Amino acid sequence: MNSLAKFALLMGMSASAVVASEQFAGYLERLTNNAITIQQADGVAISALLPREATGAVQAIAIQCAFGDQIVISCRHIRPVYDRDAGRYQTLEMLGLQRIRPASAQEMSRIALSHGWASGGNLLKTPDRPHAATPVTAGNMNEVDDPAQSEIALAREINLEVGSRLPNFIADETAKVYISSVERKDPWRFDYAVEAEVTFDHGQARRRNIRKNGQPWTEPVLPGYTGYGGFGNLLLNLFESHCPNTFHPVGPYEMNGKQTLQFRVDAEPDTCFGIESDYQAYRPRIEGYIFLENPGARLVQFEYKALNLPESFLLSSWVRKISWGDVRIGDKVFLLPVRADLVAANSLTHGSRHAETEHIVWEYRNYRHFEAESSITFH
């Protein structure tokens, strides 16, 4: 009996059920009480729930496997289940696991640099992750008084402070979805709209009273990519010291009547910018631009695109833009996202999804505190 069948029996499964399932190969990256994550050779992470009926599955994996081991997991597709540890919905359930071999020294060095396993809980013994350098500005790097470096240093300080002081609030969100055909190059056509109340609570966004085209939405996951609005960790991903982004000064830029400073942003693969699609996650190389108030250095707009998405990933392109503005809630003014935009093309190599490209436009209004409602004012 092979190790895959042995592990299937250990979990109370039949070997035939494992053989009939979909299989994924990769490096063991994360193990929690609920789920397992592997990273494929192309960098795409596959996440699956552990079977609840399999007593001792977590202990068995922790005993038999180590971080970085090359493994094969057999999975079945399930109705989405929210995994609080991972902060995402899981759409796969693992049925069996086969350990192939431990990671080589070269593989371990590469995997250790990944940002995927380094955030959140992990029951595996993980290696020491090299400390990333503070975000830098390309240009006159040898000049201590380089204005671009000073501006980015100021922007980093100010915007992280802004992020740490975000209020708890509710806003009305409208996401309008337009569809086009990748193959026929159809013009954009309106497909549907999703409306919801977004509650932003201690850095986490959640939605309620969700409606699609005016009808209540009862599915556990929002349709398409409408959950990728303006609220998230973008300020941290841009300016935190452990995110090794490089900023290239472009120059002054007038935006909507305001003076800004424009910088190009580059981030290497497998760092702080991630995309989730169904059971997959990937941290691509990104290229984009930020626009900072001049003077002031607060973030006005961030736009970026993902580069070189792997063929195994469910998406072939990802272009996103978020705009910030001053929003009055009660008697105080906060810098908050006010608009967002995303164009996401499904990969041509993944069956019936190949024809669709989604263009989603979000708008936010009627921001208010939990305790008392207040109208929104833009400055």
Protein backbone atom coordinates (compact mmCIF):
# COMPACT_ATOMS: atom_id res chain seq x y z
CA MET A 1 0.00 0.00 0.00
CA ASN A 2 1.51 3.38 -1.00
CA SER A 3 1.83 6.29 1.39
CA LEU A 4 -1.09 8.15 -0.16
CA ALA A 5 -3.42 5.21 0.48
CA LYS A 6 -1.99 4.76 3.99
CA PHE A 7 -2.66 8.39 4.83
CA ALA A 8 -6.16 8.16 3.34
CA LEU A 9 -6.90 5.20 5.62
CA LEU A 10 -5.39 7.05 8.58
CA MET A 11 -7.99 9.76 8.00
CA GLY A 12 -10.82 7.29 7.61
CA MET A 13 -11.03 7.67 3.82
CA SER A 14 -11.06 5.08 1.06
CA ALA A 15 -8.09 4.98 -1.30
CA SER A 16 -10.47 5.07 -4.28
CA ALA A 17 -11.89 8.40 -3.10
CA VAL A 18 -8.39 9.86 -3.10
CA VAL A 19 -7.52 8.52 -6.55
CA ALA A 20 -10.72 10.03 -7.99
CA SER A 21 -9.98 13.51 -6.58
CA GLU A 22 -7.99 16.42 -7.99
CA GLN A 23 -4.32 16.46 -7.02
CA PHE A 24 -1.88 19.31 -6.43
CA ALA A 25 1.89 19.10 -5.94
CA GLY A 26 4.03 21.63 -4.13
CA TYR A 27 6.04 22.61 -1.05
CA LEU A 28 4.34 22.44 2.35
CA GLU A 29 4.02 26.06 3.42
CA ARG A 30 1.44 26.33 6.20
CA LEU A 31 -0.51 24.10 8.57
CA THR A 32 -3.25 25.34 10.89
CA ASN A 33 -5.91 23.57 12.91
CA ASN A 34 -8.26 24.03 9.97
CA ALA A 35 -6.30 24.01 6.74
CA ILE A 36 -3.16 23.21 4.79
CA THR A 37 -1.37 25.35 2.20
CA ILE A 38 1.20 24.28 -0.36
CA GLN A 39 3.19 26.42 -2.77
CA GLN A 40 3.52 25.08 -6.29
CA ALA A 41 6.80 25.39 -8.16
CA ASP A 42 5.44 28.41 -10.06
CA GLY A 43 4.63 30.23 -6.81
CA VAL A 44 0.86 29.68 -6.84
CA ALA A 45 -0.37 28.68 -3.38
CA ILE A 46 -3.13 26.08 -3.02
CA SER A 47 -5.16 26.08 0.20
CA ALA A 48 -7.56 23.38 1.41
CA LEU A 49 -9.53 22.63 4.54
CA LEU A 50 -8.54 19.57 6.51
CA PRO A 51 -11.34 16.99 6.71
CA ARG A 52 -13.24 17.51 9.95
CA GLU A 53 -14.10 13.83 10.23
CA ALA A 54 -10.43 12.81 10.14
CA THR A 55 -9.40 12.63 13.80
CA GLY A 56 -5.71 13.32 14.28
CA ALA A 57 -5.11 14.67 10.76
CA VAL A 58 -3.22 17.76 11.98
CA GLN A 59 -1.03 15.72 14.34
CA ALA A 60 -0.35 13.13 11.65
CA ILE A 61 0.77 15.78 9.15
CA ALA A 62 2.91 17.58 11.74
CA ILE A 63 4.64 14.29 12.63
CA GLN A 64 5.18 13.01 9.09
CA CYS A 65 5.95 16.28 7.30
CA ALA A 66 8.12 19.36 7.75
CA PHE A 67 8.01 22.89 6.38
CA GLY A 68 9.21 22.90 2.76
CA ASP A 69 8.61 19.17 2.15
CA GLN A 70 7.50 18.39 -1.38
CA ILE A 71 4.06 16.81 -1.07
CA VAL A 72 1.00 15.90 -3.14
CA ILE A 73 -2.46 16.62 -1.74
CA SER A 74 -5.69 15.14 -3.07
CA CYS A 75 -8.71 17.39 -2.75
CA ARG A 76 -12.37 17.73 -3.58
CA HIS A 77 -14.27 20.92 -4.34
CA ILE A 78 -16.72 22.02 -1.64
CA ARG A 79 -19.19 24.80 -0.97
CA PRO A 80 -17.22 27.79 0.36
CA VAL A 81 -16.47 27.66 4.11
CA TYR A 82 -15.05 30.66 5.94
CA ASP A 83 -11.71 29.96 7.63
CA ARG A 84 -11.12 32.53 10.38
CA ASP A 85 -7.47 31.57 10.83
CA ALA A 86 -6.74 32.27 7.17
CA GLY A 87 -9.18 35.18 6.86
CA ARG A 88 -10.62 33.75 3.64
CA TYR A 89 -13.14 31.31 2.23
CA GLN A 90 -11.89 27.80 1.49
CA THR A 91 -13.33 25.96 -1.52
CA LEU A 92 -11.26 22.76 -1.36
CA GLU A 93 -11.17 19.97 1.20
CA MET A 94 -8.14 17.70 1.46
CA LEU A 95 -8.76 13.97 1.22
CA GLY A 96 -5.22 12.62 1.32
CA LEU A 97 -1.54 13.54 1.38
CA GLN A 98 1.64 11.98 0.05
CA ARG A 99 5.08 13.13 1.17
CA ILE A 100 7.55 12.96 -1.71
CA ARG A 101 10.80 14.26 -0.23
CA PRO A 102 12.26 17.04 1.94
CA ALA A 103 13.20 20.36 0.40
CA SER A 104 16.75 20.79 -0.83
CA ALA A 105 18.91 23.51 0.70
CA GLN A 106 18.40 25.65 -2.41
CA GLU A 107 14.63 25.17 -2.31
CA MET A 108 14.51 25.95 1.39
CA SER A 109 16.43 29.19 0.85
CA ARG A 110 13.91 30.29 -1.76
CA ILE A 111 10.84 29.26 0.24
CA ALA A 112 12.16 30.99 3.37
CA LEU A 113 11.99 34.33 1.53
CA SER A 114 8.28 33.93 0.83
CA HIS A 115 5.85 36.33 2.50
CA GLY A 116 3.02 33.79 2.26
CA TRP A 117 3.86 31.66 5.29
CA ALA A 118 5.34 34.51 7.32
CA SER A 119 1.99 36.12 8.17
CA GLY A 120 -0.57 34.48 10.42
CA GLY A 121 -0.39 31.29 12.41
CA ASN A 122 1.56 28.20 11.41
CA LEU A 123 1.86 24.93 13.31
CA LEU A 124 4.95 23.93 11.35
CA LYS A 125 8.45 24.73 12.59
CA THR A 126 9.50 27.47 10.18
CA PRO A 127 12.96 28.81 9.32
CA ASP A 128 14.19 32.23 10.30
CA ARG A 129 13.06 34.59 7.60
CA PRO A 130 15.68 37.12 6.41
CA HIS A 131 14.79 40.64 7.53
CA ALA A 132 13.69 42.78 4.59
CA ALA A 133 15.16 46.20 4.08
CA THR A 134 13.15 49.39 4.55
CA PRO A 135 11.42 50.51 1.31
CA VAL A 136 13.85 52.52 -0.77
CA THR A 137 13.82 55.15 -3.46
CA ALA A 138 15.74 54.55 -6.64
CA GLY A 139 17.81 57.45 -7.84
CA ASN A 140 20.46 59.36 -5.93
CA MET A 141 20.88 56.65 -3.32
CA ASN A 142 24.27 57.90 -2.16
CA GLU A 143 22.99 61.37 -1.35
CA VAL A 144 21.67 61.68 2.17
CA ASP A 145 19.66 64.79 1.25
CA ASP A 146 17.97 63.26 -1.81
CA PRO A 147 14.51 64.98 -1.86
CA ALA A 148 12.80 61.88 -3.28
CA GLN A 149 14.10 59.71 -0.44
CA SER A 150 12.97 62.29 2.09
CA GLU A 151 9.52 62.47 0.52
CA ILE A 152 9.08 58.69 0.61
CA ALA A 153 10.31 58.53 4.20
CA LEU A 154 7.75 61.20 5.11
CA ALA A 155 5.00 59.41 3.15
CA ARG A 156 5.81 56.16 4.89
CA GLU A 157 5.55 57.75 8.33
CA ILE A 158 2.39 59.74 7.60
CA ASN A 159 0.42 57.04 5.80
CA LEU A 160 1.22 54.32 8.31
CA GLU A 161 -0.02 56.74 10.96
CA VAL A 162 -3.17 57.29 8.89
CA GLY A 163 -3.64 53.53 8.65
CA SER A 164 -3.22 53.06 12.39
CA ARG A 165 -5.86 55.67 13.16
CA LEU A 166 -8.64 54.50 10.86
CA PRO A 167 -11.98 54.79 12.63
CA ASN A 168 -14.54 52.02 12.95
CA PHE A 169 -17.28 52.99 10.53
CA ILE A 170 -19.99 51.86 8.15
CA ALA A 171 -20.30 52.96 4.52
CA ASP A 172 -22.66 52.15 1.66
CA GLU A 173 -20.81 50.38 -1.15
CA THR A 174 -21.91 50.00 -4.76
CA ALA A 175 -19.91 47.78 -7.14
CA LYS A 176 -20.91 47.90 -10.81
CA VAL A 177 -19.61 44.99 -12.89
CA TYR A 178 -18.97 45.18 -16.64
CA ILE A 179 -18.04 42.16 -18.75
CA SER A 180 -16.08 41.79 -21.98
CA SER A 181 -14.91 38.83 -24.06
CA VAL A 182 -11.16 38.26 -24.20
CA GLU A 183 -11.33 36.29 -27.45
CA ARG A 184 -13.86 38.40 -29.40
CA LYS A 185 -12.79 41.71 -27.85
CA ASP A 186 -16.41 42.66 -27.17
CA PRO A 187 -17.07 46.18 -25.84
CA TRP A 188 -17.79 46.45 -22.14
CA ARG A 189 -21.39 45.64 -21.27
CA PHE A 190 -23.05 46.14 -17.90
CA ASP A 191 -23.62 42.78 -16.19
CA TYR A 192 -24.79 43.41 -12.60
CA ALA A 193 -24.46 45.62 -9.54
CA VAL A 194 -23.76 44.60 -5.96
CA GLU A 195 -24.80 46.87 -3.09
CA ALA A 196 -23.81 46.34 0.51
CA GLU A 197 -23.13 47.97 3.85
CA VAL A 198 -19.41 47.73 4.56
CA THR A 199 -18.41 47.67 8.20
CA PHE A 200 -14.76 48.53 8.82
CA ASP A 201 -13.92 47.25 12.29
CA HIS A 202 -10.36 47.38 13.67
CA GLY A 203 -8.81 47.01 10.23
CA GLN A 204 -11.18 44.31 8.96
CA ALA A 205 -13.91 44.87 6.36
CA ARG A 206 -17.09 42.83 6.36
CA ARG A 207 -20.36 43.22 4.48
CA ARG A 208 -24.02 42.83 5.30
CA ASN A 209 -27.37 43.58 3.64
CA ILE A 210 -25.86 42.45 0.34
CA ARG A 211 -27.99 42.76 -2.79
CA LYS A 212 -27.27 41.78 -6.38
CA ASN A 213 -29.39 43.76 -8.84
CA GLY A 214 -31.65 44.67 -5.93
CA GLN A 215 -32.23 41.08 -4.80
CA PRO A 216 -30.82 39.70 -1.51
CA TRP A 217 -27.56 37.80 -2.00
CA THR A 218 -27.47 34.70 0.21
CA GLU A 219 -24.37 32.90 -1.07
CA PRO A 220 -21.37 32.83 1.32
CA VAL A 221 -19.01 34.45 -1.22
CA LEU A 222 -19.58 37.68 -3.12
CA PRO A 223 -20.01 37.26 -6.89
CA GLY A 224 -16.95 37.65 -9.09
CA TYR A 225 -14.25 39.87 -7.59
CA THR A 226 -16.61 42.39 -6.00
CA GLY A 227 -15.00 41.75 -2.60
CA TYR A 228 -11.80 43.51 -3.75
CA GLY A 229 -12.99 47.06 -3.09
CA GLY A 230 -11.03 49.93 -1.64
CA PHE A 231 -10.68 48.65 1.92
CA GLY A 232 -7.80 46.37 2.78
CA ASN A 233 -4.10 46.36 3.64
CA LEU A 234 -2.79 48.48 0.78
CA LEU A 235 -1.28 51.17 3.02
CA LEU A 236 0.64 48.50 4.92
CA ASN A 237 1.67 46.69 1.73
CA LEU A 238 3.05 49.93 0.33
CA PHE A 239 4.84 51.42 3.31
CA GLU A 240 5.59 48.77 5.97
CA SER A 241 9.32 48.21 6.50
CA HIS A 242 9.09 44.45 5.84
CA CYS A 243 7.67 45.08 2.34
CA PRO A 244 10.71 45.57 0.06
CA ASN A 245 9.19 48.00 -2.45
CA THR A 246 11.25 50.35 -4.57
CA PHE A 247 10.04 53.87 -5.35
CA HIS A 248 11.21 55.77 -8.45
CA PRO A 249 10.50 59.54 -8.56
CA VAL A 250 8.58 60.65 -11.65
CA GLY A 251 7.77 64.26 -10.83
CA PRO A 252 4.92 66.69 -10.11
CA TYR A 253 1.47 65.71 -11.37
CA GLU A 254 -1.84 67.59 -11.20
CA MET A 255 -4.76 65.35 -10.29
CA ASN A 256 -8.33 66.64 -10.04
CA GLY A 257 -7.05 70.14 -9.43
CA LYS A 258 -4.61 69.06 -6.71
CA GLN A 259 -0.84 69.12 -6.87
CA THR A 260 0.76 65.72 -6.29
CA LEU A 261 4.13 64.02 -6.55
CA GLN A 262 4.18 60.86 -8.65
CA PHE A 263 6.39 57.82 -7.92
CA ARG A 264 6.64 54.54 -9.77
CA VAL A 265 6.43 51.50 -7.46
CA ASP A 266 8.08 48.14 -8.10
CA ALA A 267 7.60 45.04 -5.94
CA GLU A 268 9.25 41.68 -6.53
CA PRO A 269 7.23 38.43 -6.69
CA ASP A 270 6.26 36.65 -3.49
CA THR A 271 6.37 39.76 -1.34
CA CYS A 272 3.48 41.85 0.05
CA PHE A 273 0.94 42.13 -2.75
CA GLY A 274 -1.33 39.10 -3.03
CA ILE A 275 -4.29 38.01 -5.16
CA GLU A 276 -6.78 35.32 -4.16
CA SER A 277 -8.92 33.52 -6.73
CA ASP A 278 -11.04 30.60 -5.56
CA TYR A 279 -8.68 28.10 -3.87
CA GLN A 280 -5.55 29.79 -5.24
CA ALA A 281 -3.40 32.66 -4.04
CA TYR A 282 -0.44 34.30 -5.73
CA ARG A 283 1.94 37.12 -4.88
CA PRO A 284 2.98 38.58 -8.24
CA ARG A 285 5.57 41.07 -9.25
CA ILE A 286 3.78 44.39 -9.45
CA GLU A 287 4.44 47.66 -11.19
CA GLY A 288 2.42 50.78 -10.49
CA TYR A 289 2.28 54.41 -9.43
CA ILE A 290 1.48 56.31 -6.27
CA PHE A 291 0.42 59.96 -6.10
CA LEU A 292 1.19 61.88 -2.90
CA GLU A 293 -0.22 65.22 -1.78
CA ASN A 294 2.25 68.03 -2.41
CA PRO A 295 2.77 69.29 0.19
CA GLY A 296 1.64 66.79 2.79
CA ALA A 297 2.74 63.38 1.42
CA ARG A 298 -0.60 61.69 2.13
CA LEU A 299 -1.61 59.07 -0.42
CA VAL A 300 -4.10 60.30 -3.03
CA GLN A 301 -4.11 57.39 -5.47
CA PHE A 302 -2.43 54.04 -6.00
CA GLU A 303 -2.67 52.13 -9.26
CA TYR A 304 -0.84 48.94 -10.14
CA LYS A 305 -0.83 45.88 -12.37
CA ALA A 306 0.33 42.32 -11.77
CA LEU A 307 3.07 41.07 -14.09
CA ASN A 308 3.87 37.58 -15.37
CA LEU A 309 0.98 35.67 -13.80
CA PRO A 310 1.65 31.90 -14.05
CA GLU A 311 -0.31 29.75 -16.49
CA SER A 312 -1.68 27.64 -13.63
CA PHE A 313 -3.26 30.70 -12.02
CA LEU A 314 -6.98 31.29 -12.65
CA LEU A 315 -6.32 34.88 -13.77
CA SER A 316 -4.22 36.15 -16.66
CA SER A 317 -4.25 39.87 -15.78
CA TRP A 318 -5.00 42.10 -12.78
CA VAL A 319 -5.07 45.92 -12.89
CA ARG A 320 -6.27 47.82 -9.83
CA LYS A 321 -6.70 51.47 -8.78
CA ILE A 322 -7.77 52.98 -5.44
CA SER A 323 -8.41 56.67 -4.71
CA TRP A 324 -8.43 58.28 -1.26
CA GLY A 325 -10.14 61.46 -0.08
CA ASP A 326 -10.99 63.41 3.05
CA VAL A 327 -14.23 62.09 4.52
CA ARG A 328 -16.09 63.74 7.37
CA ILE A 329 -17.57 61.34 9.93
CA GLY A 330 -19.28 63.17 12.76
CA ASP A 331 -17.08 66.11 13.71
CA LYS A 332 -13.79 64.63 12.42
CA VAL A 333 -12.19 64.23 8.99
CA PHE A 334 -10.40 61.03 7.95
CA LEU A 335 -8.44 60.01 4.86
CA LEU A 336 -10.39 57.03 3.47
CA PRO A 337 -10.86 55.19 0.17
CA VAL A 338 -13.65 56.82 -1.86
CA ARG A 339 -13.39 54.98 -5.21
CA ALA A 340 -11.81 51.82 -6.58
CA ASP A 341 -11.43 50.15 -9.95
CA LEU A 342 -10.36 46.64 -11.03
CA VAL A 343 -9.95 44.87 -14.37
CA ALA A 344 -9.41 41.11 -13.96
CA ALA A 345 -9.13 38.71 -16.90
CA ASN A 346 -9.72 35.00 -16.45
CA SER A 347 -6.98 32.74 -17.75
CA LEU A 348 -7.50 31.27 -21.23
CA THR A 349 -6.25 27.89 -19.97
CA HIS A 350 -9.06 27.26 -17.46
CA GLY A 351 -12.10 25.92 -19.28
CA SER A 352 -15.42 27.69 -19.39
CA ARG A 353 -14.17 30.78 -17.53
CA HIS A 354 -11.82 31.72 -20.35
CA ALA A 355 -14.10 34.20 -22.15
CA GLU A 356 -14.71 36.68 -19.34
CA THR A 357 -12.91 39.81 -18.29
CA GLU A 358 -14.48 41.74 -15.41
CA HIS A 359 -14.28 45.50 -14.96
CA ILE A 360 -15.54 46.50 -11.52
CA VAL A 361 -16.10 50.08 -10.37
CA TRP A 362 -16.73 50.76 -6.66
CA GLU A 363 -18.13 53.90 -5.08
CA TYR A 364 -18.66 54.67 -1.39
CA ARG A 365 -21.07 57.07 0.26
CA ASN A 366 -22.85 57.83 3.52
CA TYR A 367 -19.94 57.05 5.84
CA ARG A 368 -21.00 56.95 9.49
CA HIS A 369 -19.78 55.75 12.89
CA PHE A 370 -21.19 52.63 14.46
CA GLU A 371 -22.79 54.78 17.15
CA ALA A 372 -24.31 57.58 15.06
CA GLU A 373 -24.93 58.17 11.39
CA SER A 374 -23.52 61.19 9.66
CA SER A 375 -23.46 62.44 6.09
CA ILE A 376 -20.29 62.35 4.01
CA THR A 377 -18.43 65.42 2.85
CA PHE A 378 -15.47 65.45 0.44
CA HIS A 379 -12.81 68.18 0.62
